[in-house]
N, C-alpha and C. Protein backbone atom coordinates (compact mmCIF):
# COMPACT_ATOMS: atom_id res chain seq x y z
N MET A 1 -158.18 -208.05 -134.32
CA MET A 1 -158.39 -207.07 -133.56
C MET A 1 -156.82 -206.53 -133.36
N MET A 2 -157.19 -205.29 -133.43
CA MET A 2 -155.76 -204.40 -132.89
C MET A 2 -155.15 -204.60 -131.51
N ALA A 3 -153.86 -204.98 -131.38
CA ALA A 3 -153.39 -205.07 -130.18
C ALA A 3 -153.15 -203.87 -129.17
N LEU A 4 -153.65 -203.75 -128.13
CA LEU A 4 -153.26 -202.49 -127.29
C LEU A 4 -151.99 -202.50 -127.26
N ASP A 5 -151.32 -201.22 -127.23
CA ASP A 5 -150.10 -200.81 -126.82
C ASP A 5 -150.05 -201.12 -125.24
N PRO A 6 -148.61 -201.76 -124.96
CA PRO A 6 -149.12 -202.30 -123.30
C PRO A 6 -148.79 -200.78 -122.75
N ASN A 7 -147.96 -199.64 -123.33
CA ASN A 7 -148.13 -198.41 -122.28
C ASN A 7 -149.35 -197.91 -122.54
N ALA A 8 -150.31 -197.81 -123.75
CA ALA A 8 -151.73 -197.53 -123.20
C ALA A 8 -152.39 -198.16 -122.30
N ALA A 9 -152.39 -199.29 -122.37
CA ALA A 9 -152.78 -200.45 -121.01
C ALA A 9 -152.47 -199.90 -119.79
N ALA A 10 -151.27 -199.68 -119.58
CA ALA A 10 -151.10 -199.12 -118.02
C ALA A 10 -151.45 -197.63 -117.55
N ALA A 11 -151.26 -196.70 -118.95
CA ALA A 11 -151.88 -195.06 -118.79
C ALA A 11 -153.18 -195.56 -118.28
N VAL A 12 -154.18 -195.68 -119.29
CA VAL A 12 -155.32 -196.16 -119.52
C VAL A 12 -156.21 -197.11 -118.72
N PRO A 13 -156.22 -196.95 -117.42
CA PRO A 13 -157.13 -197.94 -116.76
C PRO A 13 -158.42 -198.27 -117.13
N GLY A 14 -158.95 -199.29 -117.04
CA GLY A 14 -160.63 -199.16 -116.66
C GLY A 14 -160.93 -199.86 -118.26
N VAL A 15 -159.78 -200.10 -119.10
CA VAL A 15 -160.36 -200.80 -120.80
C VAL A 15 -160.78 -202.19 -120.23
N PRO A 16 -161.96 -202.30 -120.98
CA PRO A 16 -161.95 -203.68 -120.23
C PRO A 16 -161.47 -204.66 -121.46
N LEU A 17 -160.91 -205.64 -120.77
CA LEU A 17 -159.86 -206.54 -121.51
C LEU A 17 -160.31 -208.32 -121.38
N ASP A 18 -160.03 -208.76 -122.13
CA ASP A 18 -160.02 -210.06 -121.88
C ASP A 18 -158.86 -210.65 -122.58
N HIS A 19 -158.19 -212.03 -122.54
CA HIS A 19 -156.72 -212.87 -122.79
C HIS A 19 -156.74 -212.46 -124.43
N ASP A 20 -157.78 -211.77 -125.25
CA ASP A 20 -157.06 -211.48 -126.97
C ASP A 20 -156.79 -209.70 -126.86
N GLY A 21 -157.13 -209.03 -125.61
CA GLY A 21 -157.27 -207.33 -125.51
C GLY A 21 -158.63 -207.45 -125.36
N PRO A 22 -158.78 -205.78 -125.67
CA PRO A 22 -160.24 -204.80 -125.55
C PRO A 22 -161.42 -205.85 -125.85
N VAL A 23 -162.65 -205.39 -125.36
CA VAL A 23 -163.76 -206.35 -125.45
C VAL A 23 -164.95 -204.87 -125.55
N PHE A 24 -165.62 -205.06 -126.28
CA PHE A 24 -166.15 -204.16 -127.04
C PHE A 24 -168.00 -204.90 -127.06
N ARG A 25 -168.64 -204.16 -126.40
CA ARG A 25 -170.12 -204.64 -126.49
C ARG A 25 -170.55 -203.98 -127.84
N GLU A 26 -170.47 -203.02 -128.50
CA GLU A 26 -171.12 -202.74 -129.74
C GLU A 26 -170.07 -202.25 -130.64
N PRO A 27 -170.45 -202.20 -131.93
CA PRO A 27 -169.22 -201.94 -133.32
C PRO A 27 -169.04 -200.76 -132.79
N TRP A 28 -169.76 -199.20 -132.08
CA TRP A 28 -169.45 -198.26 -132.46
C TRP A 28 -168.24 -197.88 -131.36
N GLU A 29 -168.13 -198.75 -130.30
CA GLU A 29 -167.33 -198.90 -128.91
C GLU A 29 -165.82 -199.02 -129.67
N ALA A 30 -165.89 -200.13 -130.50
CA ALA A 30 -164.04 -200.44 -131.12
C ALA A 30 -164.28 -199.63 -131.93
N GLN A 31 -164.69 -198.82 -132.95
CA GLN A 31 -165.11 -197.57 -133.61
C GLN A 31 -164.21 -196.42 -132.88
N ALA A 32 -165.13 -196.00 -132.15
CA ALA A 32 -164.20 -194.86 -131.12
C ALA A 32 -163.14 -195.49 -130.35
N PHE A 33 -162.93 -196.70 -129.96
CA PHE A 33 -161.60 -197.03 -129.43
C PHE A 33 -160.33 -196.77 -130.59
N ALA A 34 -161.11 -196.93 -131.94
CA ALA A 34 -159.59 -197.33 -133.09
C ALA A 34 -159.19 -195.72 -133.16
N MET A 35 -160.60 -195.14 -132.87
CA MET A 35 -159.86 -193.40 -133.43
C MET A 35 -159.02 -193.03 -132.48
N ALA A 36 -159.43 -193.15 -131.24
CA ALA A 36 -158.40 -193.01 -130.13
C ALA A 36 -157.13 -193.32 -130.62
N VAL A 37 -157.06 -194.36 -130.38
CA VAL A 37 -155.74 -195.48 -131.04
C VAL A 37 -154.99 -194.38 -131.96
N ALA A 38 -155.63 -194.21 -133.23
CA ALA A 38 -155.25 -194.15 -134.53
C ALA A 38 -154.78 -192.26 -133.94
N LEU A 39 -155.34 -191.32 -133.36
CA LEU A 39 -154.86 -190.39 -133.21
C LEU A 39 -153.99 -190.17 -131.95
N HIS A 40 -153.85 -191.20 -131.18
CA HIS A 40 -152.61 -191.21 -130.56
C HIS A 40 -151.32 -191.29 -130.92
N ALA A 41 -151.36 -192.45 -132.19
CA ALA A 41 -150.31 -192.66 -133.39
C ALA A 41 -149.70 -191.77 -133.99
N ARG A 42 -150.46 -190.37 -134.16
CA ARG A 42 -150.18 -189.52 -134.98
C ARG A 42 -149.91 -188.57 -134.29
N GLY A 43 -149.41 -188.66 -133.04
CA GLY A 43 -149.05 -187.55 -131.88
C GLY A 43 -150.42 -186.14 -131.49
N LEU A 44 -151.59 -186.66 -131.65
CA LEU A 44 -152.73 -185.77 -130.99
C LEU A 44 -152.19 -185.81 -129.82
N PHE A 45 -152.16 -186.55 -128.72
CA PHE A 45 -152.24 -186.72 -127.41
C PHE A 45 -151.56 -187.69 -127.37
N THR A 46 -150.46 -187.94 -125.81
CA THR A 46 -149.88 -188.70 -125.11
C THR A 46 -151.26 -189.56 -124.48
N TRP A 47 -150.74 -191.15 -124.09
CA TRP A 47 -151.51 -191.74 -123.15
C TRP A 47 -151.63 -191.17 -122.02
N THR A 48 -150.80 -190.41 -121.43
CA THR A 48 -151.16 -189.84 -119.72
C THR A 48 -151.90 -188.54 -119.99
N GLU A 49 -151.78 -187.98 -121.05
CA GLU A 49 -152.61 -186.81 -121.32
C GLU A 49 -154.37 -187.08 -121.94
N TRP A 50 -154.56 -188.65 -122.41
CA TRP A 50 -155.76 -189.23 -122.44
C TRP A 50 -156.50 -189.97 -121.07
N ALA A 51 -155.73 -190.31 -120.39
CA ALA A 51 -155.91 -190.57 -119.17
C ALA A 51 -156.59 -189.99 -118.01
N ALA A 52 -156.13 -189.12 -118.51
CA ALA A 52 -156.41 -187.74 -117.34
C ALA A 52 -157.58 -187.00 -117.88
N SER A 53 -157.77 -186.76 -119.25
CA SER A 53 -159.10 -186.52 -119.85
C SER A 53 -159.94 -187.29 -119.76
N LEU A 54 -160.10 -188.82 -119.82
CA LEU A 54 -161.00 -189.75 -119.59
C LEU A 54 -161.15 -189.75 -118.05
N ALA A 55 -160.15 -189.31 -117.47
CA ALA A 55 -160.92 -189.72 -115.89
C ALA A 55 -161.39 -188.50 -115.60
N ALA A 56 -161.25 -187.38 -116.04
CA ALA A 56 -162.18 -185.88 -115.63
C ALA A 56 -163.41 -186.21 -116.22
N GLU A 57 -163.52 -186.89 -117.26
CA GLU A 57 -164.61 -186.71 -118.25
C GLU A 57 -165.68 -187.70 -117.47
N ILE A 58 -165.10 -188.76 -116.95
CA ILE A 58 -165.89 -189.81 -116.03
C ILE A 58 -166.20 -189.36 -114.52
N LYS A 59 -165.24 -188.47 -114.04
CA LYS A 59 -165.73 -187.98 -112.69
C LYS A 59 -166.96 -186.60 -112.99
N ARG A 60 -166.68 -185.92 -114.10
CA ARG A 60 -167.78 -185.07 -114.79
C ARG A 60 -169.25 -185.96 -114.74
N ALA A 61 -169.13 -187.06 -115.40
CA ALA A 61 -170.84 -188.02 -115.32
C ALA A 61 -170.94 -188.58 -113.95
N GLN A 62 -170.03 -188.95 -113.45
CA GLN A 62 -170.48 -189.51 -112.06
C GLN A 62 -171.30 -188.37 -111.33
N ALA A 63 -170.37 -187.30 -111.12
CA ALA A 63 -171.10 -185.90 -110.52
C ALA A 63 -172.62 -185.48 -111.16
N ALA A 64 -173.04 -185.87 -112.42
CA ALA A 64 -174.47 -185.54 -113.23
C ALA A 64 -174.96 -186.93 -112.84
N GLY A 65 -174.59 -188.05 -112.10
CA GLY A 65 -175.76 -189.10 -112.00
C GLY A 65 -175.19 -190.49 -112.54
N ASP A 66 -174.10 -190.52 -113.34
CA ASP A 66 -173.90 -191.90 -113.97
C ASP A 66 -173.72 -192.87 -113.17
N ALA A 67 -173.96 -194.03 -113.14
CA ALA A 67 -173.85 -194.93 -112.12
C ALA A 67 -172.40 -195.61 -112.06
N ASP A 68 -172.22 -195.67 -113.07
CA ASP A 68 -170.95 -196.20 -113.32
C ASP A 68 -170.73 -197.51 -113.51
N THR A 69 -171.77 -198.24 -114.35
CA THR A 69 -171.77 -199.52 -113.84
C THR A 69 -170.44 -200.11 -115.01
N GLY A 70 -170.18 -199.38 -115.68
CA GLY A 70 -169.35 -199.95 -116.60
C GLY A 70 -169.77 -200.06 -118.46
N GLU A 71 -171.35 -200.08 -118.08
CA GLU A 71 -172.14 -199.88 -119.37
C GLU A 71 -172.02 -198.72 -119.94
N THR A 72 -171.24 -197.47 -119.76
CA THR A 72 -170.98 -196.02 -119.95
C THR A 72 -169.75 -195.91 -120.39
N TYR A 73 -169.01 -196.79 -120.17
CA TYR A 73 -167.55 -196.75 -120.40
C TYR A 73 -167.16 -195.81 -121.95
N TYR A 74 -167.73 -196.56 -122.78
CA TYR A 74 -167.11 -196.26 -124.10
C TYR A 74 -167.87 -194.84 -124.35
N ARG A 75 -168.77 -194.37 -123.63
CA ARG A 75 -169.65 -193.22 -123.75
C ARG A 75 -168.64 -192.12 -123.51
N HIS A 76 -168.27 -192.33 -122.16
CA HIS A 76 -167.03 -191.36 -121.49
C HIS A 76 -166.02 -191.23 -122.45
N TRP A 77 -165.34 -192.24 -123.30
CA TRP A 77 -164.35 -192.62 -124.50
C TRP A 77 -164.46 -191.35 -125.44
N LEU A 78 -165.67 -191.76 -125.71
CA LEU A 78 -166.44 -191.14 -127.12
C LEU A 78 -166.17 -189.47 -126.58
N ALA A 79 -167.11 -188.98 -125.61
CA ALA A 79 -167.12 -187.69 -125.38
C ALA A 79 -165.70 -187.28 -125.05
N THR A 80 -164.86 -188.13 -124.45
CA THR A 80 -163.25 -188.12 -124.46
C THR A 80 -162.75 -187.23 -125.51
N LEU A 81 -163.09 -188.46 -126.52
CA LEU A 81 -162.22 -187.96 -127.95
C LEU A 81 -162.59 -186.97 -128.19
N GLU A 82 -163.71 -186.77 -128.40
CA GLU A 82 -164.82 -185.35 -128.59
C GLU A 82 -163.89 -183.93 -128.20
N ASN A 83 -163.91 -184.41 -126.93
CA ASN A 83 -163.23 -183.05 -126.06
C ASN A 83 -161.84 -182.71 -126.69
N LEU A 84 -160.91 -183.84 -126.82
CA LEU A 84 -159.72 -183.44 -127.11
C LEU A 84 -159.48 -182.85 -128.38
N ILE A 85 -160.42 -183.79 -129.13
CA ILE A 85 -160.57 -183.04 -131.11
C ILE A 85 -160.66 -181.26 -131.02
N ALA A 86 -161.67 -181.16 -130.45
CA ALA A 86 -161.82 -179.93 -130.22
C ALA A 86 -160.84 -179.23 -129.40
N ASP A 87 -160.64 -179.55 -128.28
CA ASP A 87 -159.56 -178.60 -127.57
C ASP A 87 -158.03 -178.47 -128.49
N LYS A 88 -157.62 -179.52 -129.05
CA LYS A 88 -156.68 -179.53 -129.90
C LYS A 88 -156.63 -178.47 -131.48
N GLY A 89 -157.94 -178.44 -131.91
CA GLY A 89 -158.23 -177.37 -132.91
C GLY A 89 -158.18 -178.32 -134.16
N VAL A 90 -158.63 -179.57 -134.30
CA VAL A 90 -158.55 -180.39 -135.33
C VAL A 90 -160.19 -180.42 -135.36
N ALA A 91 -160.96 -180.00 -134.90
CA ALA A 91 -162.45 -179.79 -135.42
C ALA A 91 -163.08 -178.98 -134.07
N THR A 92 -163.83 -177.86 -134.43
CA THR A 92 -165.01 -177.24 -133.63
C THR A 92 -165.51 -178.49 -132.85
N ALA A 93 -166.26 -177.62 -131.71
CA ALA A 93 -167.42 -178.44 -131.17
C ALA A 93 -168.64 -178.06 -131.66
N ASP A 94 -168.64 -177.28 -132.85
CA ASP A 94 -169.94 -176.97 -133.45
C ASP A 94 -169.52 -177.99 -134.80
N THR A 95 -168.73 -178.22 -135.25
CA THR A 95 -168.66 -179.23 -136.32
C THR A 95 -168.60 -180.55 -135.74
N LEU A 96 -168.15 -181.21 -134.69
CA LEU A 96 -168.42 -182.31 -134.17
C LEU A 96 -170.25 -182.37 -133.97
N HIS A 97 -170.69 -181.33 -133.27
CA HIS A 97 -172.21 -181.87 -133.38
C HIS A 97 -172.71 -181.44 -134.71
N ARG A 98 -172.59 -181.11 -135.40
CA ARG A 98 -173.13 -181.17 -136.65
C ARG A 98 -172.70 -182.26 -137.22
N TYR A 99 -171.91 -182.89 -137.29
CA TYR A 99 -171.53 -184.88 -137.75
C TYR A 99 -172.23 -185.27 -136.63
N ARG A 100 -172.22 -185.19 -135.33
CA ARG A 100 -172.98 -186.35 -134.77
C ARG A 100 -174.18 -186.19 -134.89
N ASN A 101 -175.06 -185.32 -135.35
CA ASN A 101 -176.82 -185.23 -135.43
C ASN A 101 -176.96 -185.60 -136.95
N ALA A 102 -175.89 -185.20 -138.04
CA ALA A 102 -175.86 -186.08 -139.26
C ALA A 102 -175.83 -187.53 -138.96
N TRP A 103 -174.96 -187.86 -138.09
CA TRP A 103 -174.99 -189.39 -138.10
C TRP A 103 -176.30 -189.86 -137.40
N ASP A 104 -176.73 -189.33 -136.36
CA ASP A 104 -178.20 -189.63 -136.07
C ASP A 104 -179.30 -189.87 -136.75
N HIS A 105 -179.43 -188.92 -137.89
CA HIS A 105 -180.19 -188.63 -138.78
C HIS A 105 -180.08 -190.09 -139.74
N ALA A 106 -178.87 -190.24 -140.30
CA ALA A 106 -178.18 -191.53 -140.53
C ALA A 106 -178.63 -192.37 -140.41
N ALA A 107 -178.23 -192.96 -138.92
CA ALA A 107 -179.08 -193.89 -138.39
C ALA A 107 -180.44 -194.39 -137.95
N ASP A 108 -181.15 -193.58 -137.89
CA ASP A 108 -182.84 -193.32 -138.24
C ASP A 108 -183.02 -193.98 -139.46
N ARG A 109 -182.72 -193.85 -140.56
CA ARG A 109 -183.23 -193.67 -141.62
C ARG A 109 -182.94 -195.08 -142.42
N THR A 110 -181.21 -195.97 -141.47
CA THR A 110 -180.84 -197.06 -142.00
C THR A 110 -181.42 -198.57 -141.10
N PRO A 111 -181.99 -199.53 -142.37
CA PRO A 111 -182.53 -200.65 -141.51
C PRO A 111 -181.51 -201.25 -140.57
N HIS A 112 -182.09 -201.81 -139.43
CA HIS A 112 -181.26 -202.27 -138.74
C HIS A 112 -180.19 -203.53 -139.38
N GLY A 113 -178.94 -203.66 -138.97
CA GLY A 113 -178.00 -204.60 -139.50
C GLY A 113 -177.40 -203.94 -141.22
N MET A 114 -177.82 -203.01 -141.52
CA MET A 114 -177.49 -202.35 -142.43
C MET A 114 -176.12 -201.31 -142.16
N PRO A 115 -175.35 -200.94 -143.17
CA PRO A 115 -174.14 -200.06 -142.89
C PRO A 115 -174.65 -198.54 -143.01
N ILE A 116 -174.44 -197.80 -142.31
CA ILE A 116 -174.99 -196.62 -141.91
C ILE A 116 -174.29 -195.63 -143.12
N GLU A 117 -174.49 -194.96 -144.00
CA GLU A 117 -173.67 -194.16 -144.69
C GLU A 117 -174.39 -192.63 -144.82
N LEU A 118 -173.36 -191.76 -144.72
CA LEU A 118 -174.04 -190.33 -144.43
C LEU A 118 -173.96 -189.76 -145.93
N THR A 119 -174.98 -189.01 -146.12
CA THR A 119 -175.43 -188.19 -147.41
C THR A 119 -175.50 -186.73 -146.87
N PRO A 120 -175.31 -185.98 -147.99
CA PRO A 120 -175.55 -184.58 -147.94
C PRO A 120 -176.39 -184.27 -147.45
N GLU A 121 -177.94 -184.90 -147.14
CA GLU A 121 -178.96 -184.65 -146.59
C GLU A 121 -178.97 -184.58 -145.18
N ASP A 122 -178.07 -186.20 -144.95
CA ASP A 122 -178.15 -185.95 -143.65
C ASP A 122 -177.67 -184.66 -142.74
N PHE A 123 -177.05 -183.69 -143.08
CA PHE A 123 -176.26 -182.39 -142.87
C PHE A 123 -177.46 -181.39 -142.72
N SER A 124 -178.50 -181.24 -143.15
CA SER A 124 -179.59 -180.18 -143.22
C SER A 124 -180.52 -180.71 -142.26
N HIS A 125 -180.83 -181.76 -141.39
CA HIS A 125 -181.44 -181.75 -140.15
C HIS A 125 -180.81 -181.75 -138.93
N PRO A 126 -180.92 -180.02 -138.68
CA PRO A 126 -180.91 -179.82 -137.41
C PRO A 126 -181.34 -180.13 -136.11
N LYS A 127 -180.91 -180.56 -135.09
CA LYS A 127 -181.40 -181.10 -134.02
C LYS A 127 -181.70 -180.13 -132.77
């Protein structure tokens, strides 16, 4: 398990933690977390910027009816990651949407417990 930067822990309140570090309900949550940590390490954003963006995303979700029970925390984390990637010009919102749809298609055809692999065909199924 990767160690959470103490600066990140202070700047990004709400990260579910136990004595060993971050806690995830599902593998995709850990992957979204790791992507954010890696992009921060590469200088795409500061933890202060991340925390402000995450807080804004959570407020938007709450205004739209999210009960904020903690079960959707990493959905907000992923949405924040996608928004920052688009805002910083790393990828367009359209590209992110295209990959999200391809991933959904690949996941739908993958037997439970097997690794999901994207193929060119996955990108030809618009949603």
